[in-house]
Amino acid sequence: MTAESPGVVFVRQYCDDEEESVSVLQPSLMEDDVVQFPEIVTIKDLDPKRAWYLYEEVAPLCINTESCPKPSTSRPKGSLS
């Protein structure tokens, strides 16, 4: 891919073959040769009850400890389930 040809991939079957261009975007996604990106979706923070549940119940099962970090809020009162 190149910046000069957005949405076009240059491919070869074998390393010494002639390069061919293939468009990977649907025509409806391009307007005046400008790629149209989807809207940015903002993610809401987890509520404290859910964050503590993930930390206490799910994090011990994860190899990557960053997946469910310890919540920065105090533990809510009541059941975590």
Protein backbone atom coordinates (compact mmCIF):
# COMPACT_ATOMS: atom_id res chain seq x y z
CA MET A 1 0.00 0.00 0.00
CA THR A 2 1.06 3.56 -0.53
CA ALA A 3 -0.20 6.95 0.61
CA GLU A 4 -0.61 7.95 -3.02
CA SER A 5 -3.08 5.12 -3.66
CA PRO A 6 -5.32 4.63 -0.60
CA GLY A 7 -7.38 1.47 -0.73
CA VAL A 8 -5.15 -0.16 -3.33
CA VAL A 9 -2.86 -3.09 -2.58
CA PHE A 10 -0.01 -4.02 -4.89
CA VAL A 11 0.45 -7.80 -5.14
CA ARG A 12 2.51 -10.46 -6.91
CA GLN A 13 1.93 -14.21 -7.20
CA TYR A 14 5.69 -14.85 -7.11
CA CYS A 15 8.53 -12.54 -6.13
CA ASP A 16 9.73 -12.08 -9.73
CA ASP A 17 6.23 -11.56 -11.25
CA GLU A 18 4.90 -8.22 -12.43
CA GLU A 19 3.09 -6.22 -9.71
CA GLU A 20 -0.69 -5.93 -10.00
CA SER A 21 -2.94 -3.45 -8.22
CA VAL A 22 -6.06 -4.63 -6.39
CA SER A 23 -8.67 -2.29 -4.90
CA VAL A 24 -9.71 -3.44 -1.42
CA LEU A 25 -12.35 -0.79 -0.73
CA GLN A 26 -15.95 -0.84 -1.83
CA PRO A 27 -16.82 2.04 -4.17
CA SER A 28 -19.36 3.37 -1.65
CA LEU A 29 -16.56 3.87 0.90
CA MET A 30 -14.66 6.25 -1.35
CA GLU A 31 -15.76 9.73 -2.24
CA ASP A 32 -13.57 11.92 -4.45
CA ASP A 33 -10.60 9.58 -3.80
CA VAL A 34 -10.83 10.23 -0.04
CA VAL A 35 -11.32 7.28 2.27
CA GLN A 36 -14.32 7.74 4.54
CA PHE A 37 -13.70 6.41 8.07
CA PRO A 38 -16.46 5.45 10.51
CA GLU A 39 -17.36 7.69 13.43
CA ILE A 40 -15.23 7.38 16.56
CA VAL A 41 -17.05 5.56 19.33
CA THR A 42 -16.26 6.72 22.84
CA ILE A 43 -16.09 4.00 25.44
CA LYS A 44 -17.64 4.61 28.84
CA ASP A 45 -15.70 3.69 31.97
CA LEU A 46 -16.76 0.60 33.87
CA ASP A 47 -18.88 1.20 36.93
CA PRO A 48 -17.00 0.37 40.19
CA LYS A 49 -19.05 -2.77 40.88
CA ARG A 50 -18.17 -4.26 37.48
CA ALA A 51 -14.52 -3.21 37.69
CA TRP A 52 -14.09 -4.92 41.08
CA TYR A 53 -15.87 -8.05 39.83
CA LEU A 54 -13.47 -8.31 36.88
CA TYR A 55 -10.45 -7.70 39.12
CA GLU A 56 -11.44 -10.28 41.74
CA GLU A 57 -13.06 -12.97 39.60
CA VAL A 58 -11.58 -12.73 36.10
CA ALA A 59 -8.06 -11.34 36.61
CA PRO A 60 -6.80 -14.47 38.44
CA LEU A 61 -7.64 -16.48 35.29
CA CYS A 62 -5.68 -14.17 32.96
CA ILE A 63 -2.03 -14.59 32.05
CA ASN A 64 -1.81 -10.88 31.20
CA THR A 65 -2.38 -9.04 34.50
CA GLU A 66 -2.99 -5.78 32.61
CA SER A 67 -6.26 -7.19 31.24
CA CYS A 68 -8.11 -6.56 34.52
CA PRO A 69 -6.16 -3.95 36.53
CA LYS A 70 -6.96 -3.15 40.14
CA PRO A 71 -9.71 -0.48 40.15
CA SER A 72 -8.72 2.99 41.33
CA THR A 73 -12.09 3.44 43.08
CA SER A 74 -12.97 2.05 46.47
CA ARG A 75 -14.77 -1.31 46.60
CA PRO A 76 -18.56 -0.84 46.56
CA LYS A 77 -20.61 -2.29 49.39
CA GLY A 78 -22.75 -5.34 48.75
CA SER A 79 -22.45 -8.28 46.40
CA LEU A 80 -20.02 -8.10 43.47
CA SER A 81 -21.86 -10.64 41.33
